[in-house]
Amino acid sequence: MSEPAEPTPETKQLRGCGSYVLWAFVTVMVYALSTGPALRLYWKGVLNENLMIIYIPFDWLYDRSPLHKPLGMYWHLWCPMRFDRNGESIS
Protein backbone atom coordinates (compact mmCIF):
# COMPACT_ATOMS: atom_id res chain seq x y z
CA MET A 1 0.00 0.00 0.00
CA SER A 2 1.18 3.49 -0.74
CA GLU A 3 1.22 6.10 1.96
CA PRO A 4 -0.79 9.31 1.56
CA ALA A 5 1.11 12.17 0.04
CA GLU A 6 2.40 14.87 2.35
CA PRO A 7 0.96 18.31 1.63
CA THR A 8 3.50 20.53 -0.04
CA PRO A 9 4.29 23.98 1.36
CA GLU A 10 2.39 25.50 -1.59
CA THR A 11 -0.84 23.70 -0.72
CA LYS A 12 -0.46 24.61 2.94
CA GLN A 13 0.00 28.24 1.93
CA LEU A 14 -3.07 28.16 -0.31
CA ARG A 15 -5.16 26.70 2.47
CA GLY A 16 -3.94 29.40 4.83
CA CYS A 17 -4.73 32.14 2.32
CA GLY A 18 -8.19 30.70 1.74
CA SER A 19 -8.94 30.76 5.44
CA TYR A 20 -8.01 34.46 5.59
CA VAL A 21 -10.34 35.17 2.67
CA LEU A 22 -13.11 33.19 4.36
CA TRP A 23 -12.69 35.03 7.67
CA ALA A 24 -12.61 38.39 5.88
CA PHE A 25 -15.86 37.50 4.10
CA VAL A 26 -17.52 36.33 7.32
CA THR A 27 -16.44 39.51 9.12
CA VAL A 28 -17.84 41.77 6.39
CA MET A 29 -21.12 39.83 6.34
CA VAL A 30 -21.53 40.04 10.12
CA TYR A 31 -20.81 43.79 9.93
CA ALA A 32 -23.36 44.25 7.14
CA LEU A 33 -26.04 42.14 8.82
CA SER A 34 -25.55 43.97 12.12
CA THR A 35 -26.87 47.18 10.56
CA GLY A 36 -30.47 46.03 11.04
CA PRO A 37 -30.28 45.38 14.78
CA ALA A 38 -28.16 48.52 15.25
CA LEU A 39 -30.78 50.67 13.50
CA ARG A 40 -33.52 49.17 15.63
CA LEU A 41 -31.60 49.88 18.83
CA TYR A 42 -30.80 53.40 17.62
CA TRP A 43 -34.45 54.25 16.91
CA LYS A 44 -35.46 52.82 20.30
CA GLY A 45 -32.94 55.13 21.96
CA VAL A 46 -30.58 52.44 23.22
CA LEU A 47 -27.66 53.40 20.95
CA ASN A 48 -26.54 56.97 20.55
CA GLU A 49 -25.24 58.71 17.43
CA ASN A 50 -21.61 58.27 18.48
CA LEU A 51 -21.92 54.49 18.21
CA MET A 52 -23.72 54.70 14.87
CA ILE A 53 -20.66 56.32 13.25
CA ILE A 54 -19.33 52.88 12.34
CA TYR A 55 -22.34 52.37 10.05
CA ILE A 56 -21.85 55.55 7.99
CA PRO A 57 -20.65 53.53 4.96
CA PHE A 58 -24.05 51.85 4.80
CA ASP A 59 -25.79 55.20 4.93
CA TRP A 60 -23.73 56.21 1.90
CA LEU A 61 -24.54 52.89 0.14
CA TYR A 62 -28.24 53.38 0.83
CA ASP A 63 -28.24 56.93 -0.56
CA ARG A 64 -25.90 56.58 -3.55
CA SER A 65 -25.68 53.02 -4.84
CA PRO A 66 -27.76 50.29 -6.47
CA LEU A 67 -27.97 48.68 -3.01
CA HIS A 68 -30.62 51.24 -2.01
CA LYS A 69 -33.56 48.88 -2.40
CA PRO A 70 -31.97 45.69 -0.95
CA LEU A 71 -30.63 47.57 2.09
CA GLY A 72 -33.95 49.31 2.62
CA MET A 73 -35.86 46.04 2.37
CA TYR A 74 -33.51 44.39 4.88
CA TRP A 75 -33.83 47.35 7.22
CA HIS A 76 -37.62 47.12 6.87
CA LEU A 77 -37.40 43.74 8.62
CA TRP A 78 -35.82 45.42 11.63
CA CYS A 79 -37.44 48.88 11.50
CA PRO A 80 -40.81 48.63 9.72
CA MET A 81 -41.80 51.99 11.19
CA ARG A 82 -38.87 53.70 9.37
CA PHE A 83 -38.69 51.78 6.04
CA ASP A 84 -41.54 50.54 3.87
CA ARG A 85 -41.74 47.14 2.15
CA ASN A 86 -40.09 48.55 -0.98
CA GLY A 87 -37.05 49.77 0.93
CA GLU A 88 -37.92 53.46 0.90
CA SER A 89 -37.44 55.60 3.99
CA ILE A 90 -40.73 56.60 5.60
CA SER A 91 -39.51 59.44 7.81
PDB file of N, CA and C in Angstrom:
ATOM      1  N   MET A   1       0.834  -1.174   0.000  1.00  0.00           N
ATOM      2  CA  MET A   1       0.000   0.000   0.000  1.00  0.00           C
ATOM      3  C   MET A   1       0.882   1.242   0.000  1.00  0.00           C
ATOM      4  N   SER A   2       0.410   2.239  -0.715  1.00  0.00           N
ATOM      5  CA  SER A   2       1.182   3.486  -0.739  1.00  0.00           C
ATOM      6  C   SER A   2       0.673   4.408   0.362  1.00  0.00           C
ATOM      7  N   GLU A   3       1.577   5.174   0.887  1.00  0.00           N
ATOM      8  CA  GLU A   3       1.219   6.102   1.958  1.00  0.00           C
ATOM      9  C   GLU A   3       0.637   7.379   1.355  1.00  0.00           C
ATOM     10  N   PRO A   4      -0.237   8.072   2.088  1.00  0.00           N
ATOM     11  CA  PRO A   4      -0.794   9.315   1.557  1.00  0.00           C
ATOM     12  C   PRO A   4       0.309  10.362   1.368  1.00  0.00           C
ATOM     13  N   ALA A   5       0.111  11.150   0.356  1.00  0.00           N
ATOM     14  CA  ALA A   5       1.108  12.171   0.039  1.00  0.00           C
ATOM     15  C   ALA A   5       1.090  13.270   1.095  1.00  0.00           C
ATOM     16  N   GLU A   6       2.269  13.743   1.425  1.00  0.00           N
ATOM     17  CA  GLU A   6       2.398  14.872   2.352  1.00  0.00           C
ATOM     18  C   GLU A   6       1.996  16.153   1.628  1.00  0.00           C
ATOM     19  N   PRO A   7       1.277  17.037   2.282  1.00  0.00           N
ATOM     20  CA  PRO A   7       0.958  18.310   1.631  1.00  0.00           C
ATOM     21  C   PRO A   7       2.239  19.128   1.418  1.00  0.00           C
ATOM     22  N   THR A   8       2.332  19.705   0.270  1.00  0.00           N
ATOM     23  CA  THR A   8       3.497  20.526  -0.039  1.00  0.00           C
ATOM     24  C   THR A   8       3.326  21.898   0.616  1.00  0.00           C
ATOM     25  N   PRO A   9       4.414  22.632   0.770  1.00  0.00           N
ATOM     26  CA  PRO A   9       4.286  23.984   1.355  1.00  0.00           C
ATOM     27  C   PRO A   9       3.351  24.882   0.550  1.00  0.00           C
ATOM     28  N   GLU A  10       3.276  24.673  -0.774  1.00  0.00           N
ATOM     29  CA  GLU A  10       2.392  25.501  -1.593  1.00  0.00           C
ATOM     30  C   GLU A  10       0.926  25.257  -1.248  1.00  0.00           C
ATOM     31  N   THR A  11       0.552  23.989  -1.055  1.00  0.00           N
ATOM     32  CA  THR A  11      -0.845  23.704  -0.725  1.00  0.00           C
ATOM     33  C   THR A  11      -1.176  24.181   0.673  1.00  0.00           C
ATOM     34  N   LYS A  12      -0.223  24.089   1.600  1.00  0.00           N
ATOM     35  CA  LYS A  12      -0.464  24.610   2.945  1.00  0.00           C
ATOM     36  C   LYS A  12      -0.672  26.120   2.893  1.00  0.00           C
ATOM     37  N   GLN A  13       0.126  26.798   2.052  1.00  0.00           N
ATOM     38  CA  GLN A  13       0.005  28.244   1.933  1.00  0.00           C
ATOM     39  C   GLN A  13      -1.332  28.617   1.312  1.00  0.00           C
ATOM     40  N   LEU A  14      -1.792  27.872   0.308  1.00  0.00           N
ATOM     41  CA  LEU A  14      -3.074  28.162  -0.312  1.00  0.00           C
ATOM     42  C   LEU A  14      -4.223  27.967   0.676  1.00  0.00           C
ATOM     43  N   ARG A  15      -4.130  26.919   1.468  1.00  0.00           N
ATOM     44  CA  ARG A  15      -5.161  26.698   2.470  1.00  0.00           C
ATOM     45  C   ARG A  15      -5.180  27.821   3.486  1.00  0.00           C
ATOM     46  N   GLY A  16      -4.024  28.288   3.883  1.00  0.00           N
ATOM     47  CA  GLY A  16      -3.939  29.396   4.831  1.00  0.00           C
ATOM     48  C   GLY A  16      -4.502  30.673   4.246  1.00  0.00           C
ATOM     49  N   CYS A  17      -4.216  30.943   2.980  1.00  0.00           N
ATOM     50  CA  CYS A  17      -4.728  32.138   2.316  1.00  0.00           C
ATOM     51  C   CYS A  17      -6.244  32.053   2.166  1.00  0.00           C
ATOM     52  N   GLY A  18      -6.744  30.883   1.862  1.00  0.00           N
ATOM     53  CA  GLY A  18      -8.189  30.696   1.736  1.00  0.00           C
ATOM     54  C   GLY A  18      -8.912  30.930   3.045  1.00  0.00           C
ATOM     55  N   SER A  19      -8.293  30.533   4.142  1.00  0.00           N
ATOM     56  CA  SER A  19      -8.944  30.755   5.436  1.00  0.00           C
ATOM     57  C   SER A  19      -8.989  32.244   5.765  1.00  0.00           C
ATOM     58  N   TYR A  20      -7.967  33.005   5.370  1.00  0.00           N
ATOM     59  CA  TYR A  20      -8.009  34.456   5.586  1.00  0.00           C
ATOM     60  C   TYR A  20      -9.122  35.094   4.756  1.00  0.00           C
ATOM     61  N   VAL A  21      -9.274  34.642   3.527  1.00  0.00           N
ATOM     62  CA  VAL A  21     -10.339  35.172   2.671  1.00  0.00           C
ATOM     63  C   VAL A  21     -11.701  34.828   3.268  1.00  0.00           C
ATOM     64  N   LEU A  22     -11.848  33.606   3.742  1.00  0.00           N
ATOM     65  CA  LEU A  22     -13.109  33.191   4.357  1.00  0.00           C
ATOM     66  C   LEU A  22     -13.427  34.036   5.587  1.00  0.00           C
ATOM     67  N   TRP A  23     -12.449  34.235   6.465  1.00  0.00           N
ATOM     68  CA  TRP A  23     -12.688  35.034   7.666  1.00  0.00           C
ATOM     69  C   TRP A  23     -12.974  36.488   7.330  1.00  0.00           C
ATOM     70  N   ALA A  24     -12.321  37.019   6.310  1.00  0.00           N
ATOM     71  CA  ALA A  24     -12.607  38.394   5.884  1.00  0.00           C
ATOM     72  C   ALA A  24     -14.051  38.501   5.390  1.00  0.00           C
ATOM     73  N   PHE A  25     -14.489  37.522   4.606  1.00  0.00           N
ATOM     74  CA  PHE A  25     -15.860  37.501   4.096  1.00  0.00           C
ATOM     75  C   PHE A  25     -16.866  37.400   5.245  1.00  0.00           C
ATOM     76  N   VAL A  26     -16.615  36.512   6.184  1.00  0.00           N
ATOM     77  CA  VAL A  26     -17.522  36.334   7.323  1.00  0.00           C
ATOM     78  C   VAL A  26     -17.596  37.621   8.144  1.00  0.00           C
ATOM     79  N   THR A  27     -16.460  38.275   8.348  1.00  0.00           N
ATOM     80  CA  THR A  27     -16.435  39.515   9.122  1.00  0.00           C
ATOM     81  C   THR A  27     -17.247  40.611   8.442  1.00  0.00           C
ATOM     82  N   VAL A  28     -17.092  40.745   7.134  1.00  0.00           N
ATOM     83  CA  VAL A  28     -17.840  41.765   6.394  1.00  0.00           C
ATOM     84  C   VAL A  28     -19.336  41.455   6.424  1.00  0.00           C
ATOM     85  N   MET A  29     -19.703  40.194   6.303  1.00  0.00           N
ATOM     86  CA  MET A  29     -21.119  39.834   6.337  1.00  0.00           C
ATOM     87  C   MET A  29     -21.733  40.090   7.714  1.00  0.00           C
ATOM     88  N   VAL A  30     -21.018  39.779   8.781  1.00  0.00           N
ATOM     89  CA  VAL A  30     -21.528  40.040  10.124  1.00  0.00           C
ATOM     90  C   VAL A  30     -21.695  41.543  10.325  1.00  0.00           C
ATOM     91  N   TYR A  31     -20.720  42.325   9.841  1.00  0.00           N
ATOM     92  CA  TYR A  31     -20.810  43.791   9.934  1.00  0.00           C
ATOM     93  C   TYR A  31     -22.028  44.299   9.168  1.00  0.00           C
ATOM     94  N   ALA A  32     -22.233  43.796   7.957  1.00  0.00           N
ATOM     95  CA  ALA A  32     -23.364  44.246   7.137  1.00  0.00           C
ATOM     96  C   ALA A  32     -24.699  43.830   7.763  1.00  0.00           C
ATOM     97  N   LEU A  33     -24.788  42.609   8.245  1.00  0.00           N
ATOM     98  CA  LEU A  33     -26.042  42.140   8.824  1.00  0.00           C
ATOM     99  C   LEU A  33     -26.338  42.779  10.182  1.00  0.00           C
ATOM    100  N   SER A  34     -25.317  43.321  10.830  1.00  0.00           N
ATOM    101  CA  SER A  34     -25.551  43.968  12.122  1.00  0.00           C
ATOM    102  C   SER A  34     -26.162  45.352  11.969  1.00  0.00           C
ATOM    103  N   THR A  35     -26.266  45.866  10.740  1.00  0.00           N
ATOM    104  CA  THR A  35     -26.867  47.184  10.557  1.00  0.00           C
ATOM    105  C   THR A  35     -28.341  47.189  10.952  1.00  0.00           C
ATOM    106  N   GLY A  36     -29.054  46.104  10.692  1.00  0.00           N
ATOM    107  CA  GLY A  36     -30.473  46.034  11.037  1.00  0.00           C
ATOM    108  C   GLY A  36     -30.713  46.142  12.538  1.00  0.00           C
ATOM    109  N   PRO A  37     -30.093  45.254  13.335  1.00  0.00           N
ATOM    110  CA  PRO A  37     -30.282  45.380  14.784  1.00  0.00           C
ATOM    111  C   PRO A  37     -29.776  46.713  15.338  1.00  0.00           C
ATOM    112  N   ALA A  38     -28.688  47.236  14.776  1.00  0.00           N
ATOM    113  CA  ALA A  38     -28.159  48.521  15.253  1.00  0.00           C
ATOM    114  C   ALA A  38     -29.152  49.645  14.980  1.00  0.00           C
ATOM    115  N   LEU A  39     -29.769  49.645  13.791  1.00  0.00           N
ATOM    116  CA  LEU A  39     -30.778  50.668  13.502  1.00  0.00           C
ATOM    117  C   LEU A  39     -31.968  50.564  14.448  1.00  0.00           C
ATOM    118  N   ARG A  40     -32.387  49.355  14.717  1.00  0.00           N
ATOM    119  CA  ARG A  40     -33.523  49.172  15.629  1.00  0.00           C
ATOM    120  C   ARG A  40     -33.196  49.719  17.020  1.00  0.00           C
ATOM    121  N   LEU A  41     -31.995  49.393  17.518  1.00  0.00           N
ATOM    122  CA  LEU A  41     -31.598  49.884  18.835  1.00  0.00           C
ATOM    123  C   LEU A  41     -31.425  51.402  18.842  1.00  0.00           C
ATOM    124  N   TYR A  42     -30.959  51.939  17.719  1.00  0.00           N
ATOM    125  CA  TYR A  42     -30.798  53.395  17.618  1.00  0.00           C
ATOM    126  C   TYR A  42     -32.163  54.092  17.686  1.00  0.00           C
ATOM    127  N   TRP A  43     -33.128  53.606  16.928  1.00  0.00           N
ATOM    128  CA  TRP A  43     -34.446  54.249  16.913  1.00  0.00           C
ATOM    129  C   TRP A  43     -35.203  54.046  18.218  1.00  0.00           C
ATOM    130  N   LYS A  44     -34.837  53.009  18.986  1.00  0.00           N
ATOM    131  CA  LYS A  44     -35.459  52.819  20.305  1.00  0.00           C
ATOM    132  C   LYS A  44     -34.757  53.655  21.379  1.00  0.00           C
ATOM    133  N   GLY A  45     -33.650  54.284  21.015  1.00  0.00           N
ATOM    134  CA  GLY A  45     -32.938  55.131  21.962  1.00  0.00           C
ATOM    135  C   GLY A  45     -31.879  54.431  22.785  1.00  0.00           C
ATOM    136  N   VAL A  46     -31.583  53.178  22.465  1.00  0.00           N
ATOM    137  CA  VAL A  46     -30.576  52.436  23.219  1.00  0.00           C
ATOM    138  C   VAL A  46     -29.167  52.832  22.774  1.00  0.00           C
ATOM    139  N   LEU A  47     -28.965  52.982  21.489  1.00  0.00           N
ATOM    140  CA  LEU A  47     -27.659  53.398  20.947  1.00  0.00           C
ATOM    141  C   LEU A  47     -27.694  54.883  20.633  1.00  0.00           C
ATOM    142  N   ASN A  48     -26.586  55.556  20.886  1.00  0.00           N
ATOM    143  CA  ASN A  48     -26.537  56.974  20.551  1.00  0.00           C
ATOM    144  C   ASN A  48     -25.819  57.171  19.210  1.00  0.00           C
ATOM    145  N   GLU A  49     -25.812  58.410  18.739  1.00  0.00           N
ATOM    146  CA  GLU A  49     -25.237  58.715  17.430  1.00  0.00           C
ATOM    147  C   GLU A  49     -23.750  58.409  17.363  1.00  0.00           C
ATOM    148  N   ASN A  50     -23.042  58.538  18.477  1.00  0.00           N
ATOM    149  CA  ASN A  50     -21.605  58.272  18.477  1.00  0.00           C
ATOM    150  C   ASN A  50     -21.296  56.818  18.121  1.00  0.00           C
ATOM    151  N   LEU A  51     -22.135  55.903  18.540  1.00  0.00           N
ATOM    152  CA  LEU A  51     -21.916  54.494  18.207  1.00  0.00           C
ATOM    153  C   LEU A  51     -22.334  54.171  16.775  1.00  0.00           C
ATOM    154  N   MET A  52     -23.235  54.956  16.228  1.00  0.00           N
ATOM    155  CA  MET A  52     -23.718  54.699  14.866  1.00  0.00           C
ATOM    156  C   MET A  52     -22.725  55.168  13.796  1.00  0.00           C
ATOM    157  N   ILE A  53     -21.661  55.840  14.205  1.00  0.00           N
ATOM    158  CA  ILE A  53     -20.664  56.320  13.251  1.00  0.00           C
ATOM    159  C   ILE A  53     -20.065  55.169  12.449  1.00  0.00           C
ATOM    160  N   ILE A  54     -19.951  53.995  13.058  1.00  0.00           N
ATOM    161  CA  ILE A  54     -19.328  52.878  12.338  1.00  0.00           C
ATOM    162  C   ILE A  54     -20.197  52.386  11.179  1.00  0.00           C
ATOM    163  N   TYR A  55     -21.454  52.796  11.133  1.00  0.00           N
ATOM    164  CA  TYR A  55     -22.343  52.374  10.051  1.00  0.00           C
ATOM    165  C   TYR A  55     -22.530  53.434   8.967  1.00  0.00           C
ATOM    166  N   ILE A  56     -21.754  54.497   9.006  1.00  0.00           N
ATOM    167  CA  ILE A  56     -21.850  55.555   7.992  1.00  0.00           C
ATOM    168  C   ILE A  56     -21.660  55.017   6.574  1.00  0.00           C
ATOM    169  N   PRO A  57     -20.755  54.051   6.331  1.00  0.00           N
ATOM    170  CA  PRO A  57     -20.645  53.532   4.958  1.00  0.00           C
ATOM    171  C   PRO A  57     -21.956  52.968   4.420  1.00  0.00           C
ATOM    172  N   PHE A  58     -22.781  52.395   5.270  1.00  0.00           N
ATOM    173  CA  PHE A  58     -24.051  51.850   4.803  1.00  0.00           C
ATOM    174  C   PHE A  58     -25.062  52.946   4.521  1.00  0.00           C
ATOM    175  N   ASP A  59     -24.950  54.045   5.234  1.00  0.00           N
ATOM    176  CA  ASP A  59     -25.790  55.204   4.930  1.00  0.00           C
ATOM    177  C   ASP A  59     -25.450  55.714   3.537  1.00  0.00           C
ATOM    178  N   TRP A  60     -24.166  55.780   3.233  1.00  0.00           N
ATOM    179  CA  TRP A  60     -23.731  56.209   1.903  1.00  0.00           C
ATOM    180  C   TRP A  60     -24.214  55.215   0.839  1.00  0.00           C
ATOM    181  N   LEU A  61     -24.081  53.902   1.099  1.00  0.00           N
ATOM    182  CA  LEU A  61     -24.541  52.891   0.138  1.00  0.00           C
ATOM    183  C   LEU A  61     -26.048  52.996  -0.089  1.00  0.00           C
ATOM    184  N   TYR A  62     -26.788  53.259   0.956  1.00  0.00           N
ATOM    185  CA  TYR A  62     -28.244  53.382   0.825  1.00  0.00           C
ATOM    186  C   TYR A  62     -28.616  54.588  -0.025  1.00  0.00           C
ATOM    187  N   ASP A  63     -27.902  55.697   0.150  1.00  0.00           N
ATOM    188  CA  ASP A  63     -28.237  56.926  -0.565  1.00  0.00           C
ATOM    189  C   ASP A  63     -27.716  56.971  -1.997  1.00  0.00           C
ATOM    190  N   ARG A  64     -26.581  56.328  -2.284  1.00  0.00           N
ATOM    191  CA  ARG A  64     -25.897  56.580  -3.555  1.00  0.00           C
ATOM    192  C   ARG A  64     -25.501  55.342  -4.349  1.00  0.00           C
ATOM    193  N   SER A  65     -26.097  54.214  -4.100  1.00  0.00           N
ATOM    194  CA  SER A  65     -25.683  53.016  -4.843  1.00  0.00           C
ATOM    195  C   SER A  65     -26.895  52.179  -5.244  1.00  0.00           C
ATOM    196  N   PRO A  66     -26.662  51.197  -6.091  1.00  0.00           N
ATOM    197  CA  PRO A  66     -27.758  50.290  -6.466  1.00  0.00           C
ATOM    198  C   PRO A  66     -28.242  49.411  -5.308  1.00  0.00           C
ATOM    199  N   LEU A  67     -27.553  49.465  -4.173  1.00  0.00           N
ATOM    200  CA  LEU A  67     -27.968  48.675  -3.014  1.00  0.00           C
ATOM    201  C   LEU A  67     -29.065  49.369  -2.199  1.00  0.00           C
ATOM    202  N   HIS A  68     -29.576  50.480  -2.706  1.00  0.00           N
ATOM    203  CA  HIS A  68     -30.618  51.238  -2.009  1.00  0.00           C
ATOM    204  C   HIS A  68     -31.816  50.349  -1.649  1.00  0.00           C
ATOM    205  N   LYS A  69     -32.359  49.687  -2.637  1.00  0.00           N
ATOM    206  CA  LYS A  69     -33.561  48.879  -2.399  1.00  0.00           C
ATOM    207  C   LYS A  69     -33.266  47.646  -1.528  1.00  0.00           C
ATOM    208  N   PRO A  70     -32.210  46.850  -1.823  1.00  0.00           N
ATOM    209  CA  PRO A  70     -31.965  45.690  -0.950  1.00  0.00           C
ATOM    210  C   PRO A  70     -31.689  46.079   0.509  1.00  0.00           C
ATOM    211  N   LEU A  71     -30.899  47.133   0.712  1.00  0.00           N
ATOM    212  CA  LEU A  71     -30.632  47.568   2.088  1.00  0.00           C
ATOM    213  C   LEU A  71     -31.915  48.039   2.756  1.00  0.00           C
ATOM    214  N   GLY A  72     -32.707  48.820   2.048  1.00  0.00           N
ATOM    215  CA  GLY A  72     -33.949  49.309   2.622  1.00  0.00           C
ATOM    216  C   GLY A  72     -34.915  48.185   2.948  1.00  0.00           C
ATOM    217  N   MET A  73     -34.975  47.172   2.099  1.00  0.00           N
ATOM    218  CA  MET A  73     -35.858  46.037   2.367  1.00  0.00           C
ATOM    219  C   MET A  73     -35.370  45.233   3.574  1.00  0.00           C
ATOM    220  N   TYR A  74     -34.044  45.092   3.702  1.00  0.00           N
ATOM    221  CA  TYR A  74     -33.505  44.395   4.877  1.00  0.00           C
ATOM    222  C   TYR A  74     -33.787  45.205   6.136  1.00  0.00           C
ATOM    223  N   TRP A  75     -33.582  46.506   6.058  1.00  0.00           N
ATOM    224  CA  TRP A  75     -33.829  47.351   7.222  1.00  0.00           C
ATOM    225  C   TRP A  75     -35.310  47.387   7.578  1.00  0.00           C
ATOM    226  N   HIS A  76     -36.186  47.190   6.595  1.00  0.00           N
ATOM    227  CA  HIS A  76     -37.624  47.121   6.873  1.00  0.00           C
ATOM    228  C   HIS A  76     -37.937  45.960   7.821  1.00  0.00           C
ATOM    229  N   LEU A  77     -37.186  44.870   7.720  1.00  0.00           N
ATOM    230  CA  LEU A  77     -37.399  43.739   8.621  1.00  0.00           C
ATOM    231  C   LEU A  77     -37.137  44.125  10.070  1.00  0.00           C
ATOM    232  N   TRP A  78     -36.194  45.009  10.277  1.00  0.00           N
ATOM    233  CA  TRP A  78     -35.817  45.425  11.627  1.00  0.00           C
ATOM    234  C   TRP A  78     -36.535  46.690  12.080  1.00  0.00           C
ATOM    235  N   CYS A  79     -36.814  47.586  11.166  1.00  0.00           N
ATOM    236  CA  CYS A  79     -37.441  48.875  11.502  1.00  0.00           C
ATOM    237  C   CYS A  79     -38.609  49.149  10.552  1.00  0.00           C
ATOM    238  N   PRO A  80     -39.696  48.415  10.658  1.00  0.00           N
ATOM    239  CA  PRO A  80     -40.811  48.630   9.722  1.00  0.00           C
ATOM    240  C   PRO A  80     -41.455  50.000   9.875  1.00  0.00           C
ATOM    241  N   MET A  81     -41.222  50.666  11.008  1.00  0.00           N
ATOM    242  CA  MET A  81     -41.795  51.995  11.189  1.00  0.00           C
ATOM    243  C   MET A  81     -40.969  53.062  10.478  1.00  0.00           C
ATOM    244  N   ARG A  82     -39.751  52.730  10.034  1.00  0.00           N
ATOM    245  CA  ARG A  82     -38.873  53.703   9.369  1.00  0.00           C
ATOM    246  C   ARG A  82     -38.672  53.418   7.878  1.00  0.00           C
ATOM    247  N   PHE A  83     -38.881  52.167   7.439  1.00  0.00           N
ATOM    248  CA  PHE A  83     -38.688  51.775   6.039  1.00  0.00           C
ATOM    249  C   PHE A  83     -39.898  50.976   5.573  1.00  0.00           C
ATOM    250  N   ASP A  84     -40.386  51.289   4.371  1.00  0.00           N
ATOM    251  CA  ASP A  84     -41.541  50.539   3.872  1.00  0.00           C
ATOM    252  C   ASP A  84     -41.084  49.241   3.211  1.00  0.00           C
ATOM    253  N   ARG A  85     -42.046  48.457   2.728  1.00  0.00           N
ATOM    254  CA  ARG A  85     -41.741  47.138   2.153  1.00  0.00           C
ATOM    255  C   ARG A  85     -40.878  47.223   0.905  1.00  0.00           C
ATOM    256  N   ASN A  86     -40.892  48.363   0.230  1.00  0.00           N
ATOM    257  CA  ASN A  86     -40.093  48.547  -0.984  1.00  0.00           C
ATOM    258  C   ASN A  86     -38.708  49.107  -0.693  1.00  0.00           C
ATOM    259  N   GLY A  87     -38.382  49.299   0.563  1.00  0.00           N
ATOM    260  CA  GLY A  87     -37.055  49.771   0.933  1.00  0.00           C
ATOM    261  C   GLY A  87     -36.894  51.271   0.967  1.00  0.00           C
ATOM    262  N   GLU A  88     -37.986  51.999   0.862  1.00  0.00           N
ATOM    263  CA  GLU A  88     -37.920  53.456   0.899  1.00  0.00           C
ATOM    264  C   GLU A  88     -38.068  53.947   2.345  1.00  0.00           C
ATOM    265  N   SER A  89     -37.371  55.021   2.655  1.00  0.00           N
ATOM    266  CA  SER A  89     -37.439  55.604   3.993  1.00  0.00           C
ATOM    267  C   SER A  89     -38.791  56.285   4.185  1.00  0.00           C
ATOM    268  N   ILE A  90     -39.417  56.040   5.311  1.00  0.00           N
ATOM    269  CA  ILE A  90     -40.728  56.604   5.605  1.00  0.00           C
ATOM    270  C   ILE A  90     -40.603  57.988   6.222  1.00  0.00           C
ATOM    271  N   SER A  91     -39.604  58.182   7.058  1.00  0.00           N
ATOM    272  CA  SER A  91     -39.507  59.444   7.813  1.00  0.00           C
ATOM    273  C   SER A  91     -39.209  60.637   6.988  1.00  0.00           C
TER     274      SER A  91
END
